[in-house]
Amino acid sequence: MLSWFGRSEQRTKPTFRSARDVVSDVSELNSLEGLATVTDALTSLTANPKMLLQDRFDEIHLLDSAGQPRLVDLIKEYLATARHKKARESELWGGAYRYLQELYQAYLFCLQRYEADPLGSMRFKLTLPIALGRALRALRLRLKWALLRYTIPEQRIWVEMAGLYTFALENGVAENEVPLYPGRPITVREEFVKGLMVAASSNDTLQPPELDLATRLVDHFAKHFVIAEAPFEGCTHWIDMHNPGPPVRTSRAPPEGASARYIGAGQALGELAAVEAQFAYSGAMPPELVYYDDQDDQVLLKVIKHLALDWAGKTQARKDERRKVTSRVTVVPGLPEIFRALDFAVNDSLDFTDQPTAESWIVEDASEGGYGAVIPSVAGDWVEVGSLIGIEGASIRDWGIGVIRRVNRLDGNQQRVGVQRLGSGAQLVTLEQKSPRADAKSTERAVSEPAVLITRDPESQEQVELIVRSGMFTNLERTEMLLDDRKFRLKPTKIVERSARAERVSFQVLESD
């Protein structure tokens, strides 16, 4: 059954070298170059059929051991900044993904050889569950890297994951606890369910560092997950083993004749609740959940809350019904560009072409709360969940402010994004704070900053919302808003949303003149 799995394209075969020679050379290279060298060695090994099966596995093991720490280095760099040069992002992503492809192919070749002649490979039989688990792990990490780039995972990943798990069941090794890598022993069943739970965790709403933490939490709590042939209390998704694809929510029943397997978080939900309670009590995460030296525990707590909702089947649906439309909008990224666009709109309301960073997006559906749009891949070097954007309609010259909440990449180098619209409009205003001069008797000096008002008709409102630069004022108590020739005295009530570069703040309108 495994004979038809594997790569579908032909690749140039590198010169074969022993794993020990490769590992020795890799120590002198940086992580990206070293991983590329290991990848080439795996390719040449898979293309070399003249090797005993156990010897082949031992070679792969050495190369795998050399590749894993370099793969960790790549993901750390990939997640270190929200913005890479496109070429560097492609190098990091492509280097990691190619390595995982070749690692999977190498382990799959071993499994195919064993399937073809199990009696001639008796020594390898003891290693069978390890090879299966590592092949599944390589597929799961390919899934993770696809999600990190907000691209739709290859369909073959689901087919091959289901095939490997079925092969493990047929060979009676799905429940064997084995040390895939240093750490806790794990079963093939657990490794299979990990991949399903990663895909079932609404990752398109998470930023890349959050998604990374989500996959690590899936890995940590995998022993508690449940997979069964019949629905059970707490199951949230199913997969058809005869026609595999991404996990489907149980709100939709499997088709007639499907070989469905149902999955759920099981006791992992209780474990997440226990972590939340411990953090609320002590203010610190358990040591086993500290994955990075500079880890922000508040970000991890946010991910834990996200997973708790998702694994309980309580992920929030959209508040507003979306309607099909086809229109084009102009988009500018980030608060500085929004300031510039609004200022230009005030001074020249007929010409909006003076925006070097502006992009043209196609809106496919809309609601009172936001948009769904297809965007060109050229935007992919900055578009991510949480990005603040300015939006102007092509037919109605009216700027609005939005936040990207979902991102999925499509075939043909395009991306589909979900944008939440903030407020009902966008007007450039000035915020002023007056403070006594240190070297004067009673005069006051004004500190002013631009901001974006996203509430229409502030004269008739008791509360207004503004987008301001993050950390603009340490104290907003004495704030005045200047809009055209009007002045409003404001009192902050709460920070509605915060990012590294901007804050959405709610103010009470005390008086206006």
Protein backbone atom coordinates (compact mmCIF):
# COMPACT_ATOMS: atom_id res chain seq x y z
CA MET A 1 0.00 0.00 0.00
CA LEU A 2 2.97 2.34 0.50
CA SER A 3 4.53 1.62 -2.87
CA TRP A 4 2.79 4.54 -4.62
CA PHE A 5 3.63 7.12 -1.96
CA GLY A 6 6.54 9.49 -2.37
CA ARG A 7 7.74 12.18 -4.71
CA SER A 8 6.15 12.56 -8.08
CA GLU A 9 8.93 14.56 -9.72
CA GLN A 10 12.45 13.64 -10.74
CA ARG A 11 15.32 15.45 -9.05
CA THR A 12 19.02 15.74 -9.72
CA LYS A 13 20.83 13.08 -7.68
CA PRO A 14 23.75 14.46 -5.62
CA THR A 15 26.90 12.39 -5.28
CA PHE A 16 26.54 9.81 -2.52
CA ARG A 17 28.63 10.37 0.60
CA SER A 18 28.59 8.53 3.89
CA ALA A 19 26.60 10.13 6.70
CA ARG A 20 29.67 10.38 8.93
CA ASP A 21 31.54 12.43 6.29
CA VAL A 22 28.53 14.70 5.83
CA VAL A 23 28.07 15.24 9.57
CA SER A 24 31.75 16.14 9.90
CA ASP A 25 31.51 18.74 7.12
CA VAL A 26 28.24 20.22 8.41
CA SER A 27 29.84 21.30 11.67
CA GLU A 28 31.77 24.00 9.76
CA LEU A 29 28.69 25.47 8.03
CA ASN A 30 25.96 27.87 9.12
CA SER A 31 22.53 26.40 9.81
CA LEU A 32 21.02 27.07 6.38
CA GLU A 33 24.05 25.76 4.48
CA GLY A 34 24.38 22.82 6.84
CA LEU A 35 20.75 21.84 6.44
CA ALA A 36 21.08 22.06 2.65
CA THR A 37 24.09 19.72 2.82
CA VAL A 38 22.12 17.22 4.93
CA THR A 39 19.20 17.51 2.51
CA ASP A 40 21.44 16.67 -0.46
CA ALA A 41 22.84 13.70 1.44
CA LEU A 42 19.33 12.38 2.14
CA THR A 43 18.45 12.76 -1.53
CA SER A 44 21.49 10.79 -2.65
CA LEU A 45 20.85 8.11 -0.03
CA THR A 46 17.26 7.60 -1.16
CA ALA A 47 18.46 7.34 -4.77
CA ASN A 48 21.02 4.65 -3.84
CA PRO A 49 19.21 1.26 -3.66
CA LYS A 50 22.30 -0.86 -2.94
CA MET A 51 22.32 -0.85 0.84
CA LEU A 52 21.01 -3.20 3.52
CA LEU A 53 17.83 -1.87 5.09
CA GLN A 54 19.15 -1.54 8.66
CA ASP A 55 22.36 0.09 7.41
CA ARG A 56 20.22 2.55 5.44
CA PHE A 57 18.20 3.39 8.55
CA ASP A 58 21.40 3.96 10.54
CA GLU A 59 22.65 6.39 7.87
CA ILE A 60 19.36 8.28 7.92
CA HIS A 61 19.49 8.42 11.71
CA LEU A 62 22.89 10.14 11.64
CA LEU A 63 21.74 12.65 9.03
CA ASP A 64 18.49 13.25 10.89
CA SER A 65 20.42 13.93 14.12
CA ALA A 66 22.57 16.50 12.30
CA GLY A 67 19.59 18.16 10.62
CA GLN A 68 17.25 18.61 13.59
CA PRO A 69 19.21 21.29 15.51
CA ARG A 70 19.72 23.24 12.28
CA LEU A 71 16.00 23.03 11.56
CA VAL A 72 15.40 24.53 15.02
CA ASP A 73 17.80 27.37 14.18
CA LEU A 74 15.88 28.09 10.98
CA ILE A 75 12.51 28.30 12.68
CA LYS A 76 13.94 30.60 15.36
CA GLU A 77 15.20 32.98 12.68
CA TYR A 78 11.96 32.65 10.71
CA LEU A 79 9.94 33.67 13.77
CA ALA A 80 12.37 36.28 15.08
CA THR A 81 10.87 39.17 13.11
CA ALA A 82 7.48 39.92 11.64
CA ARG A 83 9.12 41.10 8.41
CA HIS A 84 11.86 39.47 6.33
CA LYS A 85 13.29 40.38 3.00
CA LYS A 86 11.36 38.20 0.58
CA ALA A 87 14.50 36.42 -0.61
CA ARG A 88 15.58 35.53 2.93
CA GLU A 89 12.11 34.36 3.89
CA SER A 90 12.08 32.09 0.84
CA GLU A 91 15.54 30.73 1.71
CA LEU A 92 14.52 29.87 5.27
CA TRP A 93 11.16 28.42 4.37
CA GLY A 94 12.41 26.56 1.32
CA GLY A 95 15.45 25.16 3.14
CA ALA A 96 13.32 23.79 5.97
CA TYR A 97 10.60 22.41 3.73
CA ARG A 98 13.00 20.68 1.32
CA TYR A 99 14.81 19.07 4.24
CA LEU A 100 11.53 17.71 5.63
CA GLN A 101 10.54 16.44 2.20
CA GLU A 102 13.78 14.51 1.78
CA LEU A 103 13.74 13.25 5.37
CA TYR A 104 10.25 11.88 4.81
CA GLN A 105 11.29 10.28 1.52
CA ALA A 106 14.26 8.60 3.19
CA TYR A 107 12.17 7.02 5.95
CA LEU A 108 9.42 6.13 3.47
CA PHE A 109 11.93 4.28 1.29
CA CYS A 110 12.84 2.12 4.29
CA LEU A 111 9.18 1.37 4.94
CA GLN A 112 8.56 0.49 1.30
CA ARG A 113 11.53 -1.87 1.31
CA TYR A 114 10.21 -3.55 4.45
CA GLU A 115 6.71 -3.86 3.01
CA ALA A 116 8.11 -5.49 -0.14
CA ASP A 117 10.12 -8.09 1.80
CA PRO A 118 9.25 -8.24 5.54
CA LEU A 119 10.85 -11.67 6.01
CA GLY A 120 14.10 -10.44 4.51
CA SER A 121 14.21 -7.46 6.88
CA MET A 122 13.64 -9.06 10.27
CA ARG A 123 16.29 -6.91 12.00
CA PHE A 124 14.55 -3.76 10.79
CA LYS A 125 11.22 -4.92 12.26
CA LEU A 126 12.34 -3.71 15.70
CA THR A 127 12.90 -0.28 14.17
CA LEU A 128 9.63 -0.25 12.20
CA PRO A 129 7.57 1.89 14.64
CA ILE A 130 10.43 4.41 14.93
CA ALA A 131 10.65 4.80 11.15
CA LEU A 132 6.86 5.15 10.93
CA GLY A 133 6.75 7.72 13.71
CA ARG A 134 9.59 9.77 12.22
CA ALA A 135 8.00 9.71 8.77
CA LEU A 136 4.73 10.96 10.29
CA ARG A 137 6.61 13.62 12.22
CA ALA A 138 8.29 14.87 9.02
CA LEU A 139 4.84 15.15 7.42
CA ARG A 140 3.50 16.97 10.48
CA LEU A 141 6.37 19.47 10.37
CA ARG A 142 5.75 20.05 6.67
CA LEU A 143 2.16 20.81 7.65
CA LYS A 144 3.43 23.24 10.29
CA TRP A 145 5.76 25.06 7.88
CA ALA A 146 2.92 25.34 5.35
CA LEU A 147 0.70 26.90 8.01
CA LEU A 148 3.49 29.25 9.11
CA ARG A 149 3.44 30.62 5.59
CA TYR A 150 -0.38 30.66 5.52
CA THR A 151 -0.41 28.34 2.54
CA ILE A 152 -2.79 25.44 2.01
CA PRO A 153 -0.99 22.17 2.87
CA GLU A 154 -0.39 19.71 0.07
CA GLN A 155 -3.28 17.24 -0.28
CA ARG A 156 -0.80 14.37 -0.41
CA ILE A 157 0.20 15.08 3.20
CA TRP A 158 -3.21 13.86 4.40
CA VAL A 159 -3.17 10.85 2.08
CA GLU A 160 0.27 9.77 3.24
CA MET A 161 -0.41 10.40 6.93
CA ALA A 162 -3.52 8.21 6.74
CA GLY A 163 -1.64 5.56 4.77
CA LEU A 164 1.22 5.38 7.28
CA TYR A 165 -1.17 5.08 10.22
CA THR A 166 -3.14 2.34 8.43
CA PHE A 167 0.15 0.53 7.73
CA ALA A 168 1.05 0.76 11.43
CA LEU A 169 -2.33 -0.70 12.42
CA GLU A 170 -1.98 -3.55 9.95
CA ASN A 171 1.49 -4.37 11.27
CA GLY A 172 0.39 -4.18 14.91
CA VAL A 173 2.81 -1.40 15.91
CA ALA A 174 0.50 1.63 16.22
CA GLU A 175 0.50 1.45 20.03
CA ASN A 176 4.17 0.56 20.57
CA GLU A 177 5.90 3.18 22.73
CA VAL A 178 9.25 4.03 21.15
CA PRO A 179 11.81 6.83 21.52
CA LEU A 180 11.41 8.68 18.21
CA TYR A 181 13.91 11.27 19.42
CA PRO A 182 15.43 12.04 22.82
CA GLY A 183 12.61 12.67 25.28
CA ARG A 184 9.34 11.00 26.18
CA PRO A 185 8.56 7.73 24.35
CA ILE A 186 5.62 8.09 21.98
CA THR A 187 3.38 5.87 19.86
CA VAL A 188 2.66 6.02 16.13
CA ARG A 189 -0.99 6.68 17.02
CA GLU A 190 -0.02 9.76 19.04
CA GLU A 191 2.17 11.08 16.23
CA PHE A 192 -0.65 10.62 13.73
CA VAL A 193 -3.19 12.42 15.94
CA LYS A 194 -0.73 15.28 16.53
CA GLY A 195 -0.87 16.16 12.85
CA LEU A 196 -4.66 16.06 12.86
CA MET A 197 -4.90 18.24 15.97
CA VAL A 198 -2.46 20.79 14.55
CA ALA A 199 -4.72 21.13 11.52
CA ALA A 200 -7.87 21.22 13.67
CA SER A 201 -6.74 24.19 15.78
CA SER A 202 -7.87 27.18 13.65
CA ASN A 203 -4.28 28.20 12.95
CA ASP A 204 -5.21 30.76 10.30
CA THR A 205 -6.20 33.15 13.10
CA LEU A 206 -2.77 33.00 14.79
CA GLN A 207 0.38 34.94 14.05
CA PRO A 208 3.43 32.79 13.19
CA PRO A 209 5.02 32.84 16.69
CA GLU A 210 1.64 31.97 18.19
CA LEU A 211 1.14 29.17 15.68
CA ASP A 212 4.57 27.81 16.60
CA LEU A 213 3.58 27.76 20.26
CA ALA A 214 0.26 26.09 19.38
CA THR A 215 2.06 23.24 17.60
CA ARG A 216 4.40 22.83 20.57
CA LEU A 217 1.42 22.60 22.91
CA VAL A 218 -0.13 19.98 20.62
CA ASP A 219 3.13 18.05 20.87
CA HIS A 220 3.18 18.39 24.67
CA PHE A 221 -0.41 17.22 25.28
CA ALA A 222 -0.53 14.54 22.57
CA LYS A 223 -0.80 11.63 25.02
CA HIS A 224 -4.23 12.92 26.10
CA PHE A 225 -5.76 13.13 22.62
CA VAL A 226 -8.38 10.59 21.58
CA ILE A 227 -9.02 8.91 18.22
CA ALA A 228 -11.87 6.46 17.76
CA GLU A 229 -13.94 4.76 15.08
CA ALA A 230 -17.22 6.11 16.51
CA PRO A 231 -18.23 9.56 17.77
CA PHE A 232 -17.59 10.15 21.48
CA GLU A 233 -18.28 12.92 23.94
CA GLY A 234 -15.83 15.71 23.31
CA CYS A 235 -14.85 14.75 19.75
CA THR A 236 -14.70 17.82 17.54
CA HIS A 237 -13.41 16.59 14.16
CA TRP A 238 -13.26 13.55 11.90
CA ILE A 239 -11.16 12.36 8.98
CA ASP A 240 -12.09 9.87 6.26
CA MET A 241 -9.30 7.30 6.06
CA HIS A 242 -10.46 6.19 2.59
CA ASN A 243 -10.52 9.73 1.21
CA PRO A 244 -8.18 11.69 3.50
CA GLY A 245 -8.20 15.44 3.77
CA PRO A 246 -7.97 18.09 6.48
CA PRO A 247 -9.97 17.25 9.64
CA VAL A 248 -13.65 18.18 9.34
CA ARG A 249 -15.77 19.53 12.20
CA THR A 250 -18.35 17.09 13.57
CA SER A 251 -21.07 19.65 12.85
CA ARG A 252 -20.89 18.13 9.36
CA ALA A 253 -21.48 14.38 9.22
CA PRO A 254 -19.13 12.09 7.23
CA PRO A 255 -20.48 10.94 3.85
CA GLU A 256 -22.14 7.57 3.62
CA GLY A 257 -19.58 4.79 3.32
CA ALA A 258 -16.72 6.84 4.78
CA SER A 259 -14.14 5.16 6.98
CA ALA A 260 -14.26 7.92 9.57
CA ARG A 261 -11.95 8.34 12.54
CA TYR A 262 -13.10 10.81 15.18
CA ILE A 263 -10.64 12.92 17.16
CA GLY A 264 -10.81 15.12 20.23
CA ALA A 265 -8.61 16.69 22.88
CA GLY A 266 -9.70 14.30 25.65
CA GLN A 267 -8.07 15.08 28.96
CA ALA A 268 -5.87 17.73 27.33
CA LEU A 269 -8.70 20.23 27.92
CA GLY A 270 -8.41 19.67 31.66
CA GLU A 271 -4.64 20.00 31.44
CA LEU A 272 -4.98 23.36 29.67
CA ALA A 273 -7.37 24.55 32.38
CA ALA A 274 -4.88 23.47 35.05
CA VAL A 275 -2.11 25.47 33.34
CA GLU A 276 -4.35 28.56 33.20
CA ALA A 277 -5.16 28.19 36.90
CA GLN A 278 -1.50 27.75 37.84
CA PHE A 279 -0.51 30.82 35.83
CA ALA A 280 -3.28 32.88 37.46
CA TYR A 281 -2.00 31.79 40.88
CA SER A 282 1.78 31.98 40.40
CA GLY A 283 2.21 34.27 37.39
CA ALA A 284 4.57 31.75 35.77
CA MET A 285 4.22 28.96 33.25
CA PRO A 286 5.21 25.39 34.19
CA PRO A 287 8.89 24.80 33.33
CA GLU A 288 7.97 22.15 30.76
CA LEU A 289 6.06 24.79 28.77
CA VAL A 290 8.96 27.23 28.54
CA TYR A 291 10.15 26.76 24.96
CA TYR A 292 12.34 29.83 24.43
CA ASP A 293 14.60 31.95 26.64
CA ASP A 294 12.79 35.13 25.59
CA GLN A 295 9.31 33.61 25.63
CA ASP A 296 6.43 35.96 26.45
CA ASP A 297 4.18 34.04 28.84
CA GLN A 298 1.23 36.32 28.05
CA VAL A 299 1.46 35.26 24.40
CA LEU A 300 1.57 31.61 25.46
CA LEU A 301 -1.45 32.19 27.70
CA LYS A 302 -3.31 33.72 24.74
CA VAL A 303 -2.54 30.60 22.67
CA ILE A 304 -3.65 28.32 25.51
CA LYS A 305 -6.99 30.16 25.70
CA HIS A 306 -7.34 29.90 21.91
CA LEU A 307 -6.71 26.14 21.97
CA ALA A 308 -9.03 25.63 24.93
CA LEU A 309 -11.90 27.21 22.98
CA ASP A 310 -11.05 25.37 19.78
CA TRP A 311 -10.54 21.96 21.36
CA ALA A 312 -13.82 22.36 23.21
CA GLY A 313 -15.58 23.09 19.90
CA LYS A 314 -16.40 26.64 20.97
CA THR A 315 -14.49 28.63 18.35
CA GLN A 316 -16.44 31.80 17.70
CA ALA A 317 -18.20 32.17 14.38
CA ARG A 318 -18.34 35.45 12.47
CA LYS A 319 -20.72 37.99 14.03
CA ASP A 320 -21.99 39.30 10.68
CA GLU A 321 -23.32 37.48 7.64
CA ARG A 322 -21.11 38.11 4.62
CA ARG A 323 -22.51 38.87 1.17
CA LYS A 324 -20.88 38.09 -2.14
CA VAL A 325 -19.44 41.15 -3.87
CA THR A 326 -16.74 41.79 -6.41
CA SER A 327 -14.94 45.09 -6.03
CA ARG A 328 -11.49 46.56 -5.87
CA VAL A 329 -10.06 48.45 -2.90
CA THR A 330 -6.84 50.33 -2.26
CA VAL A 331 -4.88 49.21 0.80
CA VAL A 332 -1.94 50.78 2.62
CA PRO A 333 -0.03 48.90 5.34
CA GLY A 334 0.70 50.15 8.84
CA LEU A 335 -0.07 53.27 10.86
CA PRO A 336 2.56 55.64 9.33
CA GLU A 337 1.25 54.94 5.82
CA ILE A 338 -2.33 55.37 7.05
CA PHE A 339 -1.40 58.80 8.46
CA ARG A 340 0.15 59.72 5.11
CA ALA A 341 -2.86 58.49 3.11
CA LEU A 342 -5.36 60.39 5.26
CA ASP A 343 -3.28 63.56 5.16
CA PHE A 344 -3.03 63.32 1.38
CA ALA A 345 -6.77 62.67 1.11
CA VAL A 346 -7.51 65.90 3.00
CA ASN A 347 -5.23 67.95 0.74
CA ASP A 348 -6.11 66.32 -2.60
CA SER A 349 -9.41 64.47 -2.47
CA LEU A 350 -9.39 63.63 -6.18
CA ASP A 351 -6.05 61.82 -6.50
CA PHE A 352 -5.01 58.83 -4.41
CA THR A 353 -2.16 57.61 -6.56
CA ASP A 354 0.58 59.24 -4.46
CA GLN A 355 0.97 56.13 -2.27
CA PRO A 356 4.11 54.15 -3.16
CA THR A 357 3.15 51.36 -0.74
CA ALA A 358 -0.49 51.17 -1.85
CA GLU A 359 -1.78 47.87 -3.23
CA SER A 360 -4.89 46.93 -5.16
CA TRP A 361 -6.92 44.12 -3.62
CA ILE A 362 -9.98 42.28 -4.92
CA VAL A 363 -12.81 42.06 -2.39
CA GLU A 364 -14.96 38.95 -2.86
CA ASP A 365 -17.34 39.26 0.08
CA ALA A 366 -18.23 41.90 2.61
CA SER A 367 -20.29 42.49 5.72
CA GLU A 368 -20.83 45.27 8.21
CA GLY A 369 -17.84 43.88 10.11
CA GLY A 370 -15.27 43.38 7.37
CA TYR A 371 -14.10 41.94 4.09
CA GLY A 372 -12.84 38.81 2.45
CA ALA A 373 -10.26 39.57 -0.23
CA VAL A 374 -7.88 37.89 -2.64
CA ILE A 375 -4.52 39.65 -2.80
CA PRO A 376 -1.41 39.27 -4.96
CA SER A 377 1.54 37.36 -3.55
CA VAL A 378 3.70 40.49 -3.74
CA ALA A 379 1.98 41.52 -0.52
CA GLY A 380 3.16 38.39 1.24
CA ASP A 381 6.29 39.96 2.71
CA TRP A 382 4.21 41.97 5.19
CA VAL A 383 0.70 40.53 5.32
CA GLU A 384 0.06 38.57 8.49
CA VAL A 385 -2.60 38.12 11.12
CA GLY A 386 -2.81 41.30 13.20
CA SER A 387 -1.57 43.71 10.49
CA LEU A 388 -3.23 47.15 10.60
CA ILE A 389 -4.30 48.48 7.20
CA GLY A 390 -6.00 51.49 5.66
CA ILE A 391 -8.72 50.64 3.14
CA GLU A 392 -10.28 52.92 0.51
CA GLY A 393 -13.09 51.86 -1.82
CA ALA A 394 -12.62 52.31 -5.55
CA SER A 395 -16.04 53.86 -6.12
CA ILE A 396 -16.53 55.62 -2.77
CA ARG A 397 -13.60 57.82 -1.72
CA ASP A 398 -13.81 56.95 1.94
CA TRP A 399 -10.95 55.57 4.00
CA GLY A 400 -11.50 52.99 6.71
CA ILE A 401 -9.24 51.10 9.10
CA GLY A 402 -9.01 47.32 9.24
CA VAL A 403 -7.10 44.53 10.93
CA ILE A 404 -6.16 41.32 9.13
CA ARG A 405 -7.67 38.47 11.16
CA ARG A 406 -7.21 35.47 8.84
CA VAL A 407 -4.74 34.56 6.09
CA ASN A 408 -4.74 31.58 3.71
CA ARG A 409 -2.52 31.13 0.66
CA LEU A 410 -4.04 29.75 -2.51
CA ASP A 411 -2.64 28.12 -5.61
CA GLY A 412 -1.26 30.55 -8.16
CA ASN A 413 0.66 32.73 -5.70
CA GLN A 414 -2.41 34.43 -4.27
CA GLN A 415 -3.65 34.83 -0.73
CA ARG A 416 -7.12 35.05 0.75
CA VAL A 417 -7.42 37.30 3.78
CA GLY A 418 -10.19 38.12 6.23
CA VAL A 419 -10.23 41.75 7.35
CA GLN A 420 -12.15 43.11 10.32
CA ARG A 421 -13.26 46.71 9.83
CA LEU A 422 -12.61 48.93 12.85
CA GLY A 423 -15.19 51.61 13.49
CA SER A 424 -17.27 53.37 10.85
CA GLY A 425 -14.75 55.68 9.21
CA ALA A 426 -11.27 57.15 9.38
CA GLN A 427 -10.33 60.78 10.00
CA LEU A 428 -6.93 62.21 10.71
CA VAL A 429 -6.90 64.15 13.99
CA THR A 430 -4.32 65.63 16.32
CA LEU A 431 -4.09 64.69 19.97
CA GLU A 432 -2.59 67.24 22.33
CA GLN A 433 -1.41 67.00 25.90
CA LYS A 434 -0.43 70.04 27.90
CA SER A 435 2.15 69.83 30.65
CA PRO A 436 3.88 72.54 32.75
CA ARG A 437 7.32 73.66 31.60
CA ALA A 438 10.06 72.86 34.04
CA ASP A 439 11.74 76.24 33.50
CA ALA A 440 8.71 78.53 33.35
CA LYS A 441 6.36 79.92 35.95
CA SER A 442 2.93 78.89 34.72
CA THR A 443 3.02 78.43 30.98
CA GLU A 444 2.24 75.07 29.50
CA ARG A 445 3.72 73.31 26.51
CA ALA A 446 1.66 71.12 24.20
CA VAL A 447 2.81 67.70 23.03
CA SER A 448 0.93 66.75 19.87
CA GLU A 449 0.71 63.53 17.89
CA PRO A 450 -1.39 62.42 14.91
CA ALA A 451 -4.09 59.83 15.46
CA VAL A 452 -6.94 58.24 13.52
CA LEU A 453 -10.51 58.77 14.68
CA ILE A 454 -12.63 55.71 13.77
CA THR A 455 -15.92 56.97 15.22
CA ARG A 456 -18.18 59.11 13.06
CA ASP A 457 -19.85 62.30 14.36
CA PRO A 458 -17.89 62.65 17.61
CA GLU A 459 -20.08 65.64 18.60
CA SER A 460 -23.03 63.32 19.15
CA GLN A 461 -21.10 60.53 20.87
CA GLU A 462 -20.32 59.88 24.51
CA GLN A 463 -17.47 57.50 23.59
CA VAL A 464 -15.06 57.61 20.66
CA GLU A 465 -12.28 55.28 19.53
CA LEU A 466 -8.91 56.30 18.10
CA ILE A 467 -5.89 54.49 16.66
CA VAL A 468 -2.70 55.91 18.15
CA ARG A 469 0.97 55.10 17.96
CA SER A 470 1.89 52.45 20.53
CA GLY A 471 3.32 54.08 23.64
CA MET A 472 2.50 57.55 22.33
CA PHE A 473 1.65 58.92 25.76
CA THR A 474 2.46 57.42 29.11
CA ASN A 475 -0.55 59.27 30.55
CA LEU A 476 -3.60 60.09 28.46
CA GLU A 477 -5.60 61.78 31.22
CA ARG A 478 -5.23 65.36 29.90
CA THR A 479 -5.90 64.83 26.19
CA GLU A 480 -7.52 67.12 23.68
CA MET A 481 -8.49 66.06 20.17
CA LEU A 482 -8.34 68.60 17.34
CA LEU A 483 -10.58 67.83 14.36
CA ASP A 484 -10.72 70.57 11.71
CA ASP A 485 -11.64 73.69 13.73
CA ARG A 486 -13.23 71.76 16.61
CA LYS A 487 -11.70 70.74 19.91
CA PHE A 488 -12.72 67.81 22.13
CA ARG A 489 -11.54 67.12 25.67
CA LEU A 490 -11.18 63.38 26.16
CA LYS A 491 -10.67 60.95 29.01
CA PRO A 492 -9.33 57.46 28.23
CA THR A 493 -11.49 54.55 29.39
CA LYS A 494 -9.64 51.48 28.08
CA ILE A 495 -7.18 50.13 25.55
CA VAL A 496 -9.36 48.00 23.28
CA GLU A 497 -6.49 46.36 21.36
CA ARG A 498 -2.74 46.65 21.34
CA SER A 499 0.04 45.64 18.97
CA ALA A 500 3.74 46.41 18.78
CA ARG A 501 3.13 49.50 16.63
CA ALA A 502 -0.38 50.75 17.35
CA GLU A 503 -3.08 50.90 20.00
CA ARG A 504 -6.84 51.16 19.65
CA VAL A 505 -8.06 53.31 22.57
CA SER A 506 -11.55 54.17 23.76
CA PHE A 507 -12.14 57.69 25.15
CA GLN A 508 -15.00 59.35 26.94
CA VAL A 509 -15.95 62.72 25.40
CA LEU A 510 -16.02 65.19 28.29
CA GLU A 511 -16.79 68.34 26.30
CA SER A 512 -16.36 69.89 22.88
CA ASP A 513 -16.22 73.37 21.40
